[in-house]
Protein backbone atom coordinates (compact mmCIF):
# COMPACT_ATOMS: atom_id res chain seq x y z
CA MET A 1 71.05 -49.78 191.42
CA ARG A 2 67.67 -49.30 190.15
CA GLN A 3 67.38 -49.05 186.81
CA LEU A 4 67.15 -45.85 184.76
CA ILE A 5 63.82 -45.44 183.46
CA ILE A 6 63.40 -43.78 180.06
CA MET A 7 59.94 -42.41 178.53
CA SER A 8 60.15 -41.55 174.88
CA GLY A 9 59.06 -41.25 171.61
CA PRO A 10 56.92 -38.81 169.21
CA CYS A 11 54.97 -36.02 170.84
CA VAL A 12 51.59 -37.59 169.60
CA ALA A 13 51.12 -40.84 167.37
CA GLU A 14 51.07 -38.64 164.09
CA SER A 15 51.34 -42.30 162.39
CA TYR A 16 52.50 -45.38 162.25
CA ASP A 17 55.55 -45.93 160.69
CA VAL A 18 56.79 -43.12 162.92
CA CYS A 19 56.31 -44.79 166.64
CA ILE A 20 57.52 -48.28 164.92
CA GLU A 21 60.80 -46.60 163.79
CA VAL A 22 60.75 -44.76 166.80
CA ALA A 23 60.44 -47.76 169.20
CA LYS A 24 62.40 -49.85 167.24
CA ALA A 25 65.40 -47.73 167.41
CA LEU A 26 64.81 -47.08 171.55
CA SER A 27 64.31 -50.44 172.33
CA ALA A 28 67.46 -51.41 171.07
CA ILE A 29 69.74 -48.39 172.14
CA CYS A 30 67.98 -48.93 176.37
CA LYS A 31 68.84 -52.60 175.87
CA LYS A 32 72.29 -52.22 175.32
CA SER A 33 72.82 -49.80 178.03
CA GLY A 34 70.69 -51.44 180.55
CA PHE A 35 67.87 -48.98 180.70
CA LYS A 36 64.22 -49.49 181.14
CA TYR A 37 62.23 -47.58 178.22
CA ILE A 38 58.67 -46.38 178.04
CA PHE A 39 57.32 -45.72 174.44
CA LYS A 40 55.42 -42.61 174.71
CA SER A 41 53.47 -41.02 172.86
CA SER A 42 50.38 -38.66 172.68
CA PHE A 43 46.93 -40.11 171.50
CA LYS A 44 45.65 -37.05 171.15
CA LYS A 45 46.63 -32.66 172.02
CA ALA A 46 44.60 -31.33 173.79
CA ASN A 47 46.74 -27.81 175.39
CA ARG A 48 47.29 -26.32 171.62
CA THR A 49 47.91 -22.39 171.65
CA ARG A 50 46.21 -22.81 168.05
CA LEU A 51 42.90 -23.32 166.61
CA GLU A 52 44.24 -25.08 164.18
CA SER A 53 47.31 -27.04 164.52
CA PHE A 54 47.36 -31.18 164.86
CA THR A 55 45.95 -32.00 167.65
CA GLY A 56 46.49 -35.79 166.43
CA ARG A 57 44.70 -39.00 164.17
CA GLU A 58 41.26 -40.02 165.26
CA GLU A 59 41.24 -41.50 168.37
CA GLU A 60 40.12 -44.92 167.33
CA GLU A 61 43.05 -44.43 163.86
CA ALA A 62 45.58 -43.54 167.06
CA PHE A 63 45.00 -46.19 169.84
CA GLY A 64 45.28 -48.66 167.33
CA ILE A 65 48.81 -46.88 166.21
CA LEU A 66 49.33 -47.94 170.08
CA ARG A 67 48.69 -50.92 170.43
CA ARG A 68 50.49 -51.88 167.73
CA VAL A 69 53.46 -50.33 169.02
CA LYS A 70 53.19 -52.15 172.78
CA GLU A 71 52.22 -55.70 171.03
CA LYS A 72 55.74 -55.79 168.33
CA PHE A 73 58.02 -54.80 170.65
CA ARG A 74 56.26 -55.48 174.16
CA ILE A 75 57.07 -52.62 175.67
CA PRO A 76 54.87 -50.73 178.28
CA LEU A 77 53.35 -48.05 176.67
CA LEU A 78 53.21 -44.06 178.23
CA THR A 79 49.98 -42.05 176.51
CA ASP A 80 48.42 -38.66 178.38
CA VAL A 81 44.85 -37.77 179.15
CA HIS A 82 42.92 -34.68 179.38
CA GLU A 83 39.30 -35.66 180.49
CA THR A 84 38.63 -38.36 183.65
CA THR A 85 36.98 -40.05 180.00
CA ASP A 86 40.08 -40.23 178.47
CA VAL A 87 41.44 -42.66 181.87
CA ASP A 88 38.66 -45.87 180.44
CA LYS A 89 39.06 -45.24 176.78
CA VAL A 90 43.47 -45.70 177.26
CA ARG A 91 43.14 -47.91 180.53
CA SER A 92 43.27 -51.19 178.38
CA PHE A 93 46.09 -50.17 176.48
CA ALA A 94 48.69 -48.19 178.57
CA ASP A 95 50.79 -48.96 181.14
CA TYR A 96 50.93 -45.80 181.84
CA ILE A 97 48.87 -43.11 182.40
CA GLN A 98 50.43 -38.54 182.24
CA ILE A 99 48.82 -36.71 183.95
CA PRO A 100 49.44 -33.43 181.90
CA ALA A 101 51.90 -30.64 183.62
CA PHE A 102 48.70 -27.75 182.70
CA LEU A 103 46.25 -29.99 184.66
CA CYS A 104 47.79 -32.01 187.84
CA ARG A 105 45.67 -30.03 190.49
CA GLN A 106 42.38 -31.24 188.57
CA THR A 107 41.43 -33.19 191.01
CA GLU A 108 39.18 -35.77 189.41
CA LEU A 109 41.33 -36.28 186.64
CA LEU A 110 43.98 -37.50 189.28
CA LEU A 111 41.42 -39.54 191.31
CA ALA A 112 40.67 -41.19 187.82
CA ALA A 113 43.57 -41.68 187.02
CA GLY A 114 43.92 -43.77 190.41
CA ARG A 115 41.73 -45.76 190.08
CA SER A 116 42.34 -46.79 186.84
CA GLY A 117 45.59 -49.43 188.77
CA ARG A 118 47.77 -47.94 186.13
CA TRP A 119 51.63 -46.32 186.95
CA VAL A 120 50.24 -42.22 187.33
CA ASN A 121 52.83 -40.03 185.78
CA ILE A 122 52.60 -36.65 186.96
CA LYS A 123 54.17 -33.70 185.14
CA LYS A 124 54.63 -30.89 187.50
CA GLY A 125 53.24 -27.75 186.99
CA GLN A 126 55.34 -24.69 185.63
CA PHE A 127 53.43 -22.60 188.10
CA ALA A 128 53.65 -24.82 191.31
CA SER A 129 56.71 -25.66 194.11
CA PRO A 130 58.29 -29.37 193.88
CA GLU A 131 56.69 -29.53 197.94
CA SER A 132 53.43 -28.66 196.59
CA MET A 133 53.39 -31.75 194.69
CA ARG A 134 52.81 -33.69 196.92
CA PHE A 135 48.83 -32.70 197.50
CA ALA A 136 48.51 -34.25 193.59
CA VAL A 137 50.56 -37.55 194.66
CA GLU A 138 48.46 -37.87 197.87
CA LYS A 139 45.32 -37.24 195.59
CA VAL A 140 46.10 -40.05 193.61
CA ARG A 141 47.52 -42.87 196.65
CA SER A 142 43.89 -41.81 198.53
CA THR A 143 42.68 -44.29 195.41
CA GLY A 144 44.40 -47.40 196.68
CA ASN A 145 47.09 -46.74 194.06
CA ARG A 146 50.71 -46.39 195.27
CA LYS A 147 51.85 -46.75 191.54
CA VAL A 148 53.21 -42.62 191.44
CA LEU A 149 55.96 -40.47 189.55
CA LEU A 150 56.30 -37.48 189.41
CA THR A 151 57.41 -35.70 186.52
CA GLU A 152 60.27 -32.27 186.93
CA ARG A 153 59.34 -29.94 183.43
CA GLY A 154 60.53 -26.92 183.98
CA VAL A 155 59.69 -23.47 185.79
CA THR A 156 58.20 -20.44 184.02
CA PHE A 157 60.60 -17.57 183.67
CA GLY A 158 59.21 -14.58 181.49
CA TYR A 159 56.38 -14.96 179.39
CA GLN A 160 58.42 -16.92 176.56
CA ASP A 161 60.69 -19.25 179.01
CA LEU A 162 61.76 -22.25 181.17
CA VAL A 163 63.96 -22.88 183.44
CA VAL A 164 64.70 -26.30 184.99
CA ASP A 165 65.52 -26.20 188.85
CA PHE A 166 67.08 -29.28 189.75
CA ARG A 167 66.46 -28.83 193.61
CA SER A 168 62.94 -30.25 191.93
CA VAL A 169 64.22 -33.68 191.78
CA PRO A 170 65.86 -34.56 194.72
CA ARG A 171 62.92 -31.86 197.34
CA MET A 172 60.17 -34.61 195.19
CA LYS A 173 62.24 -37.65 195.86
CA ARG A 174 61.36 -37.10 199.85
CA LEU A 175 57.89 -37.70 198.59
CA GLY A 176 58.49 -41.19 197.95
CA VAL A 177 58.16 -41.53 194.73
CA PRO A 178 60.42 -41.74 191.65
CA VAL A 179 60.97 -38.52 190.21
CA ILE A 180 61.97 -38.52 185.95
CA VAL A 181 63.00 -35.18 184.70
CA ASP A 182 61.56 -33.28 180.66
CA CYS A 183 64.23 -33.10 178.73
CA THR A 184 62.78 -31.73 175.62
CA HIS A 185 59.09 -29.74 177.61
CA ALA A 186 61.50 -28.75 179.49
CA LEU A 187 63.04 -26.44 177.21
CA GLN A 188 59.97 -25.25 175.20
CA LYS A 189 59.71 -21.49 174.29
CA PRO A 190 56.02 -21.18 175.47
CA ASN A 191 53.54 -18.22 174.19
CA GLN A 192 55.09 -17.27 170.83
CA SER A 193 53.27 -14.52 168.75
CA GLY A 194 53.30 -16.53 166.28
CA GLY A 195 51.27 -19.89 168.14
CA ILE A 196 53.40 -22.05 167.78
CA SER A 197 56.10 -23.26 170.80
CA GLY A 198 59.60 -22.96 170.32
CA GLY A 199 62.65 -24.62 172.13
CA ASP A 200 66.02 -25.42 172.13
CA PRO A 201 67.08 -29.07 171.37
CA GLU A 202 70.61 -28.31 171.39
CA MET A 203 70.68 -28.43 174.93
CA VAL A 204 68.97 -31.16 176.04
CA GLU A 205 71.69 -33.29 175.78
CA THR A 206 73.10 -31.33 178.43
CA LEU A 207 69.96 -31.99 180.49
CA CYS A 208 69.59 -35.29 179.79
CA ARG A 209 73.56 -35.23 181.56
CA ALA A 210 72.54 -33.17 184.34
CA ALA A 211 69.36 -35.30 185.21
CA VAL A 212 71.25 -37.79 185.53
CA ALA A 213 73.86 -36.28 187.62
CA VAL A 214 71.97 -35.12 190.33
CA GLY A 215 70.08 -38.78 190.20
CA ALA A 216 67.27 -38.38 189.41
CA ASP A 217 65.41 -41.88 188.46
CA GLY A 218 64.49 -41.32 185.00
CA LEU A 219 64.91 -39.42 181.87
CA PHE A 220 61.34 -38.50 179.56
CA ILE A 221 63.00 -37.01 176.05
CA GLU A 222 60.72 -36.07 172.82
CA THR A 223 62.17 -37.75 169.70
CA HIS A 224 61.10 -38.16 165.78
CA PRO A 225 63.61 -39.29 162.71
CA ASN A 226 62.80 -36.12 161.04
CA PRO A 227 61.03 -33.22 163.23
CA SER A 228 61.23 -30.83 161.37
CA MET A 229 58.71 -32.46 159.29
CA ALA A 230 56.71 -33.19 162.59
CA LEU A 231 53.37 -32.68 163.17
CA SER A 232 53.96 -31.62 166.27
CA ASP A 233 56.42 -29.76 168.69
CA GLY A 234 59.43 -29.98 165.89
CA GLU A 235 60.71 -26.91 167.54
CA SER A 236 61.46 -29.41 170.97
CA MET A 237 61.87 -32.42 170.08
CA ILE A 238 65.37 -34.48 168.63
CA PRO A 239 66.40 -36.37 165.90
CA LEU A 240 65.87 -39.76 166.48
CA LYS A 241 70.00 -40.71 165.68
CA GLU A 242 71.23 -38.21 168.22
CA MET A 243 69.63 -41.01 171.01
CA ASN A 244 72.13 -43.15 171.30
CA ARG A 245 74.92 -41.15 171.86
CA ILE A 246 72.90 -39.34 174.51
CA MET A 247 72.11 -43.03 175.75
CA LYS A 248 75.83 -43.60 176.41
CA ALA A 249 77.01 -40.27 177.66
CA CYS A 250 74.06 -41.30 180.31
CA GLU A 251 75.21 -44.70 181.17
CA LYS A 252 78.93 -43.18 181.74
CA ILE A 253 77.08 -40.31 184.00
CA ARG A 254 74.71 -42.85 186.00
CA LYS A 255 78.22 -46.06 186.26
CA ALA A 256 80.19 -43.06 187.71
CA ILE A 257 77.68 -41.62 190.11
């Protein structure tokens, strides 16, 4: 049985201390559970609703944080890109390059990510069908890069909610790629009148359990030692202290199926 992939970390590389604390805890938890751990954190957030929202540290500072985490724990690292120029900036230290859901149709960005030779994790747009993600996969593969993953992150449900259709998992797996389920962003409450996305972290464990049960190849979970103090997506992330319990539950379900 292939190892369950856990892509997890704070939303953005807001500080070295936060990233180190999260990476240290999750490395140990995943090792104990037999899961493959990939540290996830964005070096910047280019799609904030409000102009004054925190988008990240200065690039070189953020890159330094991510490099130090990767080297200290010797773990693979995932970060987002938003423009083609970002790919060259992160390819020296990122093992996985992530295409945000809003950008899953951006041809030049997909091609640039494919040419990097890194794993490319494409988040399925909230507007996209599982079957239509074939074209995003084909764009990356056209570069000769076969290392592609797809991530289900919910479907737009009205103006301010998302819902996960778990039929997406087997349908996207038919494309011959590993399929991840984003168990935190899929619970966001976007487009709030205050300009800050809400969330429903109490349901994260439910999505994790369901994703494992339907055969997902991995889970994407944003976590933070103190979500109420997080500088980005605090309403969506779950407390780091809850990750061990959730991973134990997923381990049991994984063994059962």
